[in-house]
C-alpha atoms as a PDB file:
ATOM      1  CA  MET A   1     -34.753 -21.879  -3.069  1.00  0.00           C
ATOM      2  CA  LEU A   2     -35.567 -18.721  -1.094  1.00  0.00           C
ATOM      3  CA  GLU A   3     -33.040 -17.364   1.362  1.00  0.00           C
ATOM      4  CA  TYR A   4     -33.867 -15.240   4.405  1.00  0.00           C
ATOM      5  CA  HIS A   5     -31.520 -12.942   6.306  1.00  0.00           C
ATOM      6  CA  LEU A   6     -31.969 -11.281   9.698  1.00  0.00           C
ATOM      7  CA  ASP A   7     -29.521  -9.628  12.113  1.00  0.00           C
ATOM      8  CA  VAL A   8     -29.831  -9.683  15.912  1.00  0.00           C
ATOM      9  CA  GLU A   9     -27.792  -7.292  18.062  1.00  0.00           C
ATOM     10  CA  ARG A  10     -27.751  -7.309  21.855  1.00  0.00           C
ATOM     11  CA  ILE A  11     -28.730  -3.847  23.131  1.00  0.00           C
ATOM     12  CA  ASP A  12     -28.011  -4.589  26.797  1.00  0.00           C
ATOM     13  CA  GLU A  13     -28.720  -7.303  29.373  1.00  0.00           C
ATOM     14  CA  HIS A  14     -32.450  -6.617  28.997  1.00  0.00           C
ATOM     15  CA  GLY A  15     -33.004  -6.804  25.282  1.00  0.00           C
ATOM     16  CA  SER A  16     -31.840  -7.206  21.736  1.00  0.00           C
ATOM     17  CA  LEU A  17     -32.878  -5.841  18.367  1.00  0.00           C
ATOM     18  CA  ALA A  18     -33.737  -7.915  15.294  1.00  0.00           C
ATOM     19  CA  SER A  19     -33.521  -6.090  11.979  1.00  0.00           C
ATOM     20  CA  VAL A  20     -34.009  -6.619   8.290  1.00  0.00           C
ATOM     21  CA  GLY A  21     -33.353  -3.462   6.340  1.00  0.00           C
ATOM     22  CA  PRO A  22     -35.360  -0.669   7.992  1.00  0.00           C
ATOM     23  CA  ALA A  23     -37.697  -3.085   9.827  1.00  0.00           C
ATOM     24  CA  GLU A  24     -36.854  -3.659  13.505  1.00  0.00           C
ATOM     25  CA  VAL A  25     -38.299  -5.719  16.341  1.00  0.00           C
ATOM     26  CA  VAL A  26     -37.240  -5.375  19.980  1.00  0.00           C
ATOM     27  CA  LEU A  27     -36.625  -8.792  21.546  1.00  0.00           C
ATOM     28  CA  ASP A  28     -37.039  -9.879  25.152  1.00  0.00           C
ATOM     29  CA  THR A  29     -33.665 -11.442  25.925  1.00  0.00           C
ATOM     30  CA  ASP A  30     -33.700 -10.515  29.630  1.00  0.00           C
ATOM     31  CA  MET A  31     -33.310 -13.594  31.837  1.00  0.00           C
ATOM     32  CA  ASN A  32     -36.119 -12.211  34.052  1.00  0.00           C
ATOM     33  CA  GLY A  33     -38.375 -11.315  31.118  1.00  0.00           C
ATOM     34  CA  ARG A  34     -39.818  -7.949  30.161  1.00  0.00           C
ATOM     35  CA  ASP A  35     -43.317  -6.747  29.360  1.00  0.00           C
ATOM     36  CA  ASP A  36     -42.560  -4.521  26.368  1.00  0.00           C
ATOM     37  CA  ALA A  37     -41.077  -7.097  23.996  1.00  0.00           C
ATOM     38  CA  LEU A  38     -41.804 -10.603  22.752  1.00  0.00           C
ATOM     39  CA  SER A  39     -39.862 -13.553  24.185  1.00  0.00           C
ATOM     40  CA  PRO A  40     -38.370 -16.196  21.864  1.00  0.00           C
ATOM     41  CA  PRO A  41     -41.373 -18.575  22.213  1.00  0.00           C
ATOM     42  CA  GLU A  42     -43.767 -15.665  21.634  1.00  0.00           C
ATOM     43  CA  LEU A  43     -41.806 -14.711  18.516  1.00  0.00           C
ATOM     44  CA  LEU A  44     -42.184 -18.269  17.253  1.00  0.00           C
ATOM     45  CA  LEU A  45     -45.954 -18.036  17.739  1.00  0.00           C
ATOM     46  CA  ALA A  46     -46.006 -14.602  16.079  1.00  0.00           C
ATOM     47  CA  ALA A  47     -44.199 -16.029  13.042  1.00  0.00           C
ATOM     48  CA  LEU A  48     -46.670 -18.915  12.933  1.00  0.00           C
ATOM     49  CA  GLY A  49     -49.628 -16.510  13.173  1.00  0.00           C
ATOM     50  CA  ALA A  50     -48.222 -14.312  10.391  1.00  0.00           C
ATOM     51  CA  CYS A  51     -47.732 -17.413   8.233  1.00  0.00           C
ATOM     52  CA  MET A  52     -51.368 -18.371   8.804  1.00  0.00           C
ATOM     53  CA  VAL A  53     -52.649 -14.903   7.857  1.00  0.00           C
ATOM     54  CA  ARG A  54     -50.558 -14.992   4.666  1.00  0.00           C
ATOM     55  CA  ALA A  55     -51.873 -18.442   3.754  1.00  0.00           C
ATOM     56  CA  ILE A  56     -55.458 -17.261   4.236  1.00  0.00           C
ATOM     57  CA  GLN A  57     -54.877 -14.116   2.169  1.00  0.00           C
ATOM     58  CA  ARG A  58     -53.194 -16.161  -0.567  1.00  0.00           C
ATOM     59  CA  ALA A  59     -56.074 -18.668  -0.749  1.00  0.00           C
ATOM     60  CA  GLN A  60     -58.928 -16.182  -0.368  1.00  0.00           C
ATOM     61  CA  PRO A  61     -59.201 -14.987  -3.988  1.00  0.00           C
ATOM     62  CA  ARG A  62     -58.644 -18.470  -5.422  1.00  0.00           C
ATOM     63  CA  LEU A  63     -61.353 -19.970  -3.192  1.00  0.00           C
ATOM     64  CA  ARG A  64     -63.623 -16.935  -3.679  1.00  0.00           C
ATOM     65  CA  ILE A  65     -64.265 -16.577   0.048  1.00  0.00           C
ATOM     66  CA  ASN A  66     -65.255 -13.192   1.448  1.00  0.00           C
ATOM     67  CA  ILE A  67     -63.385 -12.552   4.697  1.00  0.00           C
ATOM     68  CA  SER A  68     -63.835  -9.315   6.619  1.00  0.00           C
ATOM     69  CA  THR A  69     -61.703 -10.143   9.675  1.00  0.00           C
ATOM     70  CA  ILE A  70     -59.027 -12.640  10.700  1.00  0.00           C
ATOM     71  CA  SER A  71     -58.249 -13.324  14.338  1.00  0.00           C
ATOM     72  CA  ILE A  72     -55.776 -16.024  15.360  1.00  0.00           C
ATOM     73  CA  HIS A  73     -55.379 -17.242  18.931  1.00  0.00           C
ATOM     74  CA  LEU A  74     -52.269 -19.315  19.644  1.00  0.00           C
ATOM     75  CA  ARG A  75     -51.157 -21.210  22.756  1.00  0.00           C
ATOM     76  CA  ALA A  76     -47.999 -23.248  23.202  1.00  0.00           C
ATOM     77  CA  TRP A  77     -46.849 -25.705  25.827  1.00  0.00           C
ATOM     78  CA  ARG A  78     -43.168 -26.177  26.581  1.00  0.00           C
ATOM     79  CA  GLN A  79     -41.642 -29.421  27.772  1.00  0.00           C
ATOM     80  CA  ASP A  80     -38.614 -29.289  30.056  1.00  0.00           C
ATOM     81  CA  SER A  81     -36.444 -32.180  28.934  1.00  0.00           C
ATOM     82  CA  PRO A  82     -35.274 -31.578  26.349  1.00  0.00           C
ATOM     83  CA  PRO A  83     -36.492 -27.952  26.257  1.00  0.00           C
ATOM     84  CA  ALA A  84     -38.862 -27.644  23.320  1.00  0.00           C
ATOM     85  CA  VAL A  85     -42.306 -26.427  22.345  1.00  0.00           C
ATOM     86  CA  ALA A  86     -44.207 -29.707  22.488  1.00  0.00           C
ATOM     87  CA  THR A  87     -47.707 -28.607  21.492  1.00  0.00           C
ATOM     88  CA  VAL A  88     -49.274 -25.636  19.737  1.00  0.00           C
ATOM     89  CA  HIS A  89     -53.012 -25.074  19.746  1.00  0.00           C
ATOM     90  CA  TYR A  90     -54.567 -22.487  17.443  1.00  0.00           C
ATOM     91  CA  ARG A  91     -58.017 -21.160  16.730  1.00  0.00           C
ATOM     92  CA  ILE A  92     -58.536 -19.099  13.584  1.00  0.00           C
ATOM     93  CA  GLU A  93     -61.707 -17.013  13.662  1.00  0.00           C
ATOM     94  CA  LEU A  94     -62.832 -15.524  10.369  1.00  0.00           C
ATOM     95  CA  GLY A  95     -65.469 -12.931   9.722  1.00  0.00           C
ATOM     96  CA  THR A  96     -67.088 -14.801   6.850  1.00  0.00           C
ATOM     97  CA  ASP A  97     -70.296 -16.444   5.721  1.00  0.00           C
ATOM     98  CA  ALA A  98     -68.394 -19.398   4.211  1.00  0.00           C
ATOM     99  CA  ASP A  99     -69.794 -22.853   4.964  1.00  0.00           C
ATOM    100  CA  ASP A 100     -67.975 -25.572   6.927  1.00  0.00           C
ATOM    101  CA  GLU A 101     -66.684 -27.227   3.761  1.00  0.00           C
ATOM    102  CA  MET A 102     -65.022 -24.002   2.597  1.00  0.00           C
ATOM    103  CA  LEU A 103     -63.585 -23.381   6.072  1.00  0.00           C
ATOM    104  CA  GLU A 104     -62.031 -26.857   6.030  1.00  0.00           C
ATOM    105  CA  LEU A 105     -60.566 -26.203   2.575  1.00  0.00           C
ATOM    106  CA  LEU A 106     -59.103 -22.944   3.858  1.00  0.00           C
ATOM    107  CA  HIS A 107     -57.749 -24.805   6.907  1.00  0.00           C
ATOM    108  CA  ARG A 108     -55.904 -27.250   4.633  1.00  0.00           C
ATOM    109  CA  ASN A 109     -54.336 -24.251   2.860  1.00  0.00           C
ATOM    110  CA  VAL A 110     -53.194 -22.820   6.212  1.00  0.00           C
ATOM    111  CA  GLN A 111     -51.448 -26.129   6.917  1.00  0.00           C
ATOM    112  CA  LYS A 112     -49.272 -25.726   3.811  1.00  0.00           C
ATOM    113  CA  GLY A 113     -47.409 -22.602   4.936  1.00  0.00           C
ATOM    114  CA  THR A 114     -43.627 -22.487   5.347  1.00  0.00           C
ATOM    115  CA  ILE A 115     -43.562 -21.707   9.066  1.00  0.00           C
ATOM    116  CA  PHE A 116     -46.525 -23.998   9.766  1.00  0.00           C
ATOM    117  CA  ASN A 117     -44.709 -26.934   8.143  1.00  0.00           C
ATOM    118  CA  THR A 118     -41.452 -26.095   9.910  1.00  0.00           C
ATOM    119  CA  VAL A 119     -43.081 -26.018  13.345  1.00  0.00           C
ATOM    120  CA  ALA A 120     -45.307 -29.030  12.624  1.00  0.00           C
ATOM    121  CA  ALA A 121     -42.249 -31.148  11.768  1.00  0.00           C
ATOM    122  CA  GLY A 122     -41.308 -31.273  15.450  1.00  0.00           C
ATOM    123  CA  THR A 123     -44.394 -30.114  17.345  1.00  0.00           C
ATOM    124  CA  ARG A 124     -47.899 -31.464  17.876  1.00  0.00           C
ATOM    125  CA  MET A 125     -50.222 -29.012  16.100  1.00  0.00           C
ATOM    126  CA  GLN A 126     -53.939 -28.843  16.972  1.00  0.00           C
ATOM    127  CA  GLY A 127     -56.309 -26.266  15.634  1.00  0.00           C
ATOM    128  CA  GLU A 128     -59.454 -25.188  13.911  1.00  0.00           C
ATOM    129  CA  VAL A 129     -60.843 -22.579  11.575  1.00  0.00           C
ATOM    130  CA  VAL A 130     -64.249 -21.204  12.525  1.00  0.00           C
ATOM    131  CA  SER A 131     -66.595 -18.487  11.374  1.00  0.00           C
ATOM    132  CA  SER A 132     -67.167 -15.708  13.883  1.00  0.00           C
ATOM    133  CA  GLY A 133     -70.218 -14.588  11.979  1.00  0.00           C
END
């Protein structure tokens, strides 16, 4: 079983800092929000997007698909009671000449990622993988 470790330190009332070794990410923990850092829901979507890119890169050589670009667009909707991300919609655009069958196979691989499965366990997930040309 893999174990992950991350530290979060409050900088001030406007932000915090997440760190793992030398890697750091400034967090928006200001109650009024801030433009120069990601909020907790945005961080969740960023983790999901990174998971999707990794899944595509992992499957690419095995499926023998040429991909020149990967662009992932994510949207989430929050419910109020209880507070939770209720729905995530994603669109993965790939610079590839792969046919629809290969794109669907790649999509199934994306749906096997660690973060994808974690989010999908409690959130409605809707999405597609398309060729952008």
